[in-house]
């Protein structure tokens, strides 16, 4: 199966968090949005510091990565915050 590879960049520590392997961009964005809206998570507390990125793909049958030359930004955490209204 071909998995999409994602990571989250933390601008305060100037580093990417360990990569995540998901079936689709939608699956990743849903989990990112859930974390950003979980009041117990750092992604929620400092949502402006975190940016989601798509890095490429990974084939689990051949163990091959196909990474983008430049990571593709999918948005900053604060853009995924739900309003409290």
N, C-alpha and C. Protein backbone atom coordinates (compact mmCIF):
# COMPACT_ATOMS: atom_id res chain seq x y z
N UNK A 1 0.84 -1.17 0.00
CA UNK A 1 0.00 0.00 0.00
C UNK A 1 0.89 1.24 0.00
N UNK A 2 0.42 2.27 -0.65
CA UNK A 2 1.13 3.55 -0.66
C UNK A 2 0.53 4.44 0.43
N UNK A 3 1.36 4.82 1.37
CA UNK A 3 0.95 5.72 2.45
C UNK A 3 1.46 7.12 2.15
N UNK A 4 0.70 8.12 2.56
CA UNK A 4 1.16 9.50 2.51
C UNK A 4 1.96 9.77 3.78
N UNK A 5 2.99 10.59 3.66
CA UNK A 5 3.86 10.91 4.78
C UNK A 5 3.66 12.39 5.14
N UNK A 6 3.44 12.64 6.42
CA UNK A 6 3.18 13.99 6.91
C UNK A 6 4.05 14.28 8.12
N UNK A 7 4.21 15.56 8.42
CA UNK A 7 4.86 15.98 9.64
C UNK A 7 4.30 17.33 10.04
N UNK A 8 4.60 17.71 11.26
CA UNK A 8 4.19 19.01 11.79
C UNK A 8 5.46 19.74 12.19
N UNK A 9 5.57 20.98 11.72
CA UNK A 9 6.72 21.81 12.05
C UNK A 9 6.39 22.68 13.25
N UNK A 10 7.27 22.68 14.24
CA UNK A 10 7.13 23.51 15.44
C UNK A 10 8.07 24.70 15.28
N UNK A 11 7.50 25.87 15.05
CA UNK A 11 8.32 27.06 14.79
C UNK A 11 9.13 27.52 16.01
N UNK A 12 8.69 27.18 17.20
CA UNK A 12 9.43 27.60 18.40
C UNK A 12 10.71 26.80 18.60
N UNK A 13 10.66 25.51 18.31
CA UNK A 13 11.87 24.70 18.45
C UNK A 13 12.62 24.57 17.11
N UNK A 14 12.00 25.11 16.03
CA UNK A 14 12.58 25.11 14.69
C UNK A 14 12.94 23.70 14.23
N UNK A 15 11.96 22.80 14.38
CA UNK A 15 12.18 21.41 13.98
C UNK A 15 10.84 20.75 13.64
N UNK A 16 10.93 19.72 12.81
CA UNK A 16 9.76 18.92 12.47
C UNK A 16 9.56 17.82 13.50
N UNK A 17 8.32 17.53 13.82
CA UNK A 17 7.99 16.40 14.69
C UNK A 17 8.16 15.12 13.87
N UNK A 18 8.29 13.94 14.52
CA UNK A 18 8.45 12.69 13.78
C UNK A 18 7.33 12.50 12.75
N UNK A 19 7.68 11.91 11.60
CA UNK A 19 6.68 11.76 10.54
C UNK A 19 5.54 10.81 10.91
N UNK A 20 4.41 11.06 10.26
CA UNK A 20 3.21 10.23 10.42
C UNK A 20 2.86 9.64 9.06
N UNK A 21 2.40 8.41 9.06
CA UNK A 21 2.03 7.71 7.83
C UNK A 21 0.52 7.49 7.85
N UNK A 22 -0.17 8.03 6.85
CA UNK A 22 -1.62 7.97 6.78
C UNK A 22 -2.06 7.51 5.39
N UNK A 23 -3.31 7.04 5.31
CA UNK A 23 -3.86 6.59 4.04
C UNK A 23 -4.17 7.74 3.09
N UNK A 24 -4.48 8.91 3.66
CA UNK A 24 -4.86 10.04 2.82
C UNK A 24 -4.58 11.36 3.52
N UNK A 25 -4.59 12.43 2.74
CA UNK A 25 -4.43 13.77 3.30
C UNK A 25 -5.59 14.09 4.23
N UNK A 26 -6.80 13.67 3.85
CA UNK A 26 -7.97 13.92 4.68
C UNK A 26 -7.86 13.28 6.05
N UNK A 27 -7.34 12.06 6.10
CA UNK A 27 -7.16 11.38 7.39
C UNK A 27 -6.19 12.16 8.27
N UNK A 28 -5.10 12.63 7.69
CA UNK A 28 -4.12 13.39 8.45
C UNK A 28 -4.71 14.71 8.94
N UNK A 29 -5.39 15.43 8.05
CA UNK A 29 -5.95 16.73 8.43
C UNK A 29 -7.00 16.59 9.52
N UNK A 30 -7.77 15.51 9.50
CA UNK A 30 -8.74 15.27 10.56
C UNK A 30 -8.03 15.07 11.90
N UNK A 31 -6.96 14.28 11.92
CA UNK A 31 -6.25 14.05 13.19
C UNK A 31 -5.52 15.31 13.65
N UNK A 32 -5.01 16.09 12.72
CA UNK A 32 -4.35 17.36 13.07
C UNK A 32 -5.38 18.32 13.68
N UNK A 33 -6.54 18.43 13.06
CA UNK A 33 -7.60 19.31 13.57
C UNK A 33 -8.08 18.85 14.95
N UNK A 34 -8.19 17.54 15.15
CA UNK A 34 -8.59 17.02 16.47
C UNK A 34 -7.57 17.41 17.53
N UNK A 35 -6.28 17.29 17.20
CA UNK A 35 -5.23 17.63 18.17
C UNK A 35 -5.23 19.12 18.47
N UNK A 36 -5.43 19.94 17.44
CA UNK A 36 -5.46 21.39 17.62
C UNK A 36 -6.64 21.80 18.50
N UNK A 37 -7.72 21.04 18.48
CA UNK A 37 -8.91 21.37 19.26
C UNK A 37 -9.02 20.62 20.58
N UNK A 38 -8.00 19.81 20.92
CA UNK A 38 -7.96 19.10 22.19
C UNK A 38 -7.26 19.99 23.21
N UNK A 39 -8.00 20.52 24.16
CA UNK A 39 -7.45 21.49 25.11
C UNK A 39 -6.28 20.94 25.94
N UNK A 40 -6.08 19.63 25.95
CA UNK A 40 -4.97 19.04 26.70
C UNK A 40 -3.69 18.91 25.87
N UNK A 41 -3.75 19.25 24.59
CA UNK A 41 -2.57 19.05 23.74
C UNK A 41 -1.81 20.36 23.53
N UNK A 42 -0.50 20.23 23.34
CA UNK A 42 0.34 21.40 23.05
C UNK A 42 -0.07 22.04 21.73
N UNK A 43 -0.54 21.22 20.78
CA UNK A 43 -0.98 21.78 19.51
C UNK A 43 -2.15 22.73 19.71
N UNK A 44 -2.96 22.50 20.71
CA UNK A 44 -4.07 23.39 21.02
C UNK A 44 -3.58 24.64 21.75
N UNK A 45 -2.72 24.43 22.72
CA UNK A 45 -2.24 25.56 23.54
C UNK A 45 -1.43 26.56 22.74
N UNK A 46 -0.67 26.07 21.76
CA UNK A 46 0.22 26.92 20.98
C UNK A 46 -0.03 26.73 19.48
N UNK A 47 -1.29 26.73 19.10
CA UNK A 47 -1.67 26.36 17.72
C UNK A 47 -1.02 27.22 16.64
N UNK A 48 -0.66 28.44 16.96
CA UNK A 48 0.01 29.29 15.98
C UNK A 48 1.44 28.89 15.70
N UNK A 49 2.00 28.03 16.54
CA UNK A 49 3.40 27.60 16.40
C UNK A 49 3.56 26.37 15.49
N UNK A 50 2.46 25.72 15.15
CA UNK A 50 2.53 24.44 14.44
C UNK A 50 1.96 24.54 13.03
N UNK A 51 2.71 24.02 12.06
CA UNK A 51 2.27 23.99 10.67
C UNK A 51 2.32 22.55 10.17
N UNK A 52 1.24 22.12 9.54
CA UNK A 52 1.15 20.76 8.99
C UNK A 52 1.77 20.73 7.59
N UNK A 53 2.51 19.67 7.30
CA UNK A 53 3.15 19.51 6.00
C UNK A 53 2.95 18.10 5.45
N UNK A 54 2.77 18.03 4.13
CA UNK A 54 2.82 16.75 3.41
C UNK A 54 4.24 16.61 2.89
N UNK A 55 4.87 15.45 3.19
CA UNK A 55 6.26 15.23 2.81
C UNK A 55 6.43 14.37 1.57
N UNK A 56 5.45 13.51 1.27
CA UNK A 56 5.56 12.60 0.13
C UNK A 56 4.81 11.32 0.38
N UNK A 57 5.35 10.20 -0.13
CA UNK A 57 4.71 8.89 0.03
C UNK A 57 5.74 7.84 0.45
N UNK A 58 5.19 6.74 0.97
CA UNK A 58 6.01 5.58 1.32
C UNK A 58 5.26 4.33 0.90
N UNK A 59 5.95 3.45 0.18
CA UNK A 59 5.40 2.19 -0.29
C UNK A 59 5.80 1.10 0.71
N UNK A 60 4.81 0.53 1.41
CA UNK A 60 5.14 -0.47 2.44
C UNK A 60 5.52 -1.83 1.86
N UNK A 61 5.25 -2.07 0.58
CA UNK A 61 5.64 -3.34 -0.04
C UNK A 61 7.11 -3.32 -0.48
N UNK A 62 7.55 -2.17 -0.95
CA UNK A 62 8.92 -2.03 -1.46
C UNK A 62 9.83 -1.26 -0.51
N UNK A 63 9.26 -0.71 0.55
CA UNK A 63 9.98 0.12 1.51
C UNK A 63 10.72 1.26 0.80
N UNK A 64 9.97 1.94 -0.08
CA UNK A 64 10.54 3.05 -0.83
C UNK A 64 9.82 4.35 -0.50
N UNK A 65 10.59 5.38 -0.27
CA UNK A 65 10.05 6.72 -0.08
C UNK A 65 10.09 7.47 -1.40
N UNK A 66 9.10 8.30 -1.63
CA UNK A 66 9.08 9.24 -2.76
C UNK A 66 8.70 10.59 -2.14
N UNK A 67 9.72 11.36 -1.79
CA UNK A 67 9.48 12.60 -1.06
C UNK A 67 9.45 13.80 -2.00
N UNK A 68 8.62 14.78 -1.64
CA UNK A 68 8.57 16.03 -2.39
C UNK A 68 9.91 16.74 -2.23
N UNK A 69 10.32 17.48 -3.25
CA UNK A 69 11.55 18.26 -3.17
C UNK A 69 11.43 19.28 -2.04
N UNK A 70 10.25 19.89 -1.94
CA UNK A 70 9.95 20.84 -0.87
C UNK A 70 8.66 20.40 -0.19
N UNK A 71 8.64 20.28 1.14
CA UNK A 71 7.40 19.91 1.82
C UNK A 71 6.26 20.86 1.46
N UNK A 72 5.04 20.32 1.36
CA UNK A 72 3.86 21.10 0.99
C UNK A 72 3.11 21.49 2.25
N UNK A 73 2.99 22.80 2.46
CA UNK A 73 2.27 23.30 3.64
C UNK A 73 0.78 23.05 3.50
N UNK A 74 0.17 22.53 4.56
CA UNK A 74 -1.28 22.26 4.59
C UNK A 74 -2.01 23.20 5.53
N UNK A 75 -1.29 24.10 6.19
CA UNK A 75 -1.92 25.08 7.06
C UNK A 75 -1.34 25.13 8.45
N UNK A 76 -1.55 26.27 9.08
CA UNK A 76 -1.10 26.52 10.45
C UNK A 76 -2.21 26.07 11.40
N UNK A 77 -1.82 25.54 12.53
CA UNK A 77 -2.77 25.01 13.50
C UNK A 77 -3.91 25.95 13.84
N UNK A 78 -3.62 27.22 14.00
CA UNK A 78 -4.66 28.18 14.39
C UNK A 78 -5.78 28.25 13.35
N UNK A 79 -5.49 27.91 12.10
CA UNK A 79 -6.51 27.91 11.03
C UNK A 79 -7.51 26.76 11.21
N UNK A 80 -7.15 25.77 12.02
CA UNK A 80 -8.00 24.61 12.24
C UNK A 80 -8.78 24.70 13.55
N UNK A 81 -8.55 25.77 14.32
CA UNK A 81 -9.23 25.96 15.60
C UNK A 81 -10.71 26.24 15.38
N UNK A 82 -11.54 25.55 16.14
CA UNK A 82 -12.98 25.82 16.12
C UNK A 82 -13.27 26.96 17.06
N UNK A 83 -14.21 27.80 16.69
CA UNK A 83 -14.58 28.90 17.58
C UNK A 83 -15.37 28.35 18.76
N UNK A 84 -15.35 29.05 19.86
CA UNK A 84 -16.02 28.61 21.09
C UNK A 84 -17.50 28.98 21.11
N UNK A 85 -18.01 29.55 20.02
CA UNK A 85 -19.42 30.00 20.01
C UNK A 85 -20.39 28.86 19.86
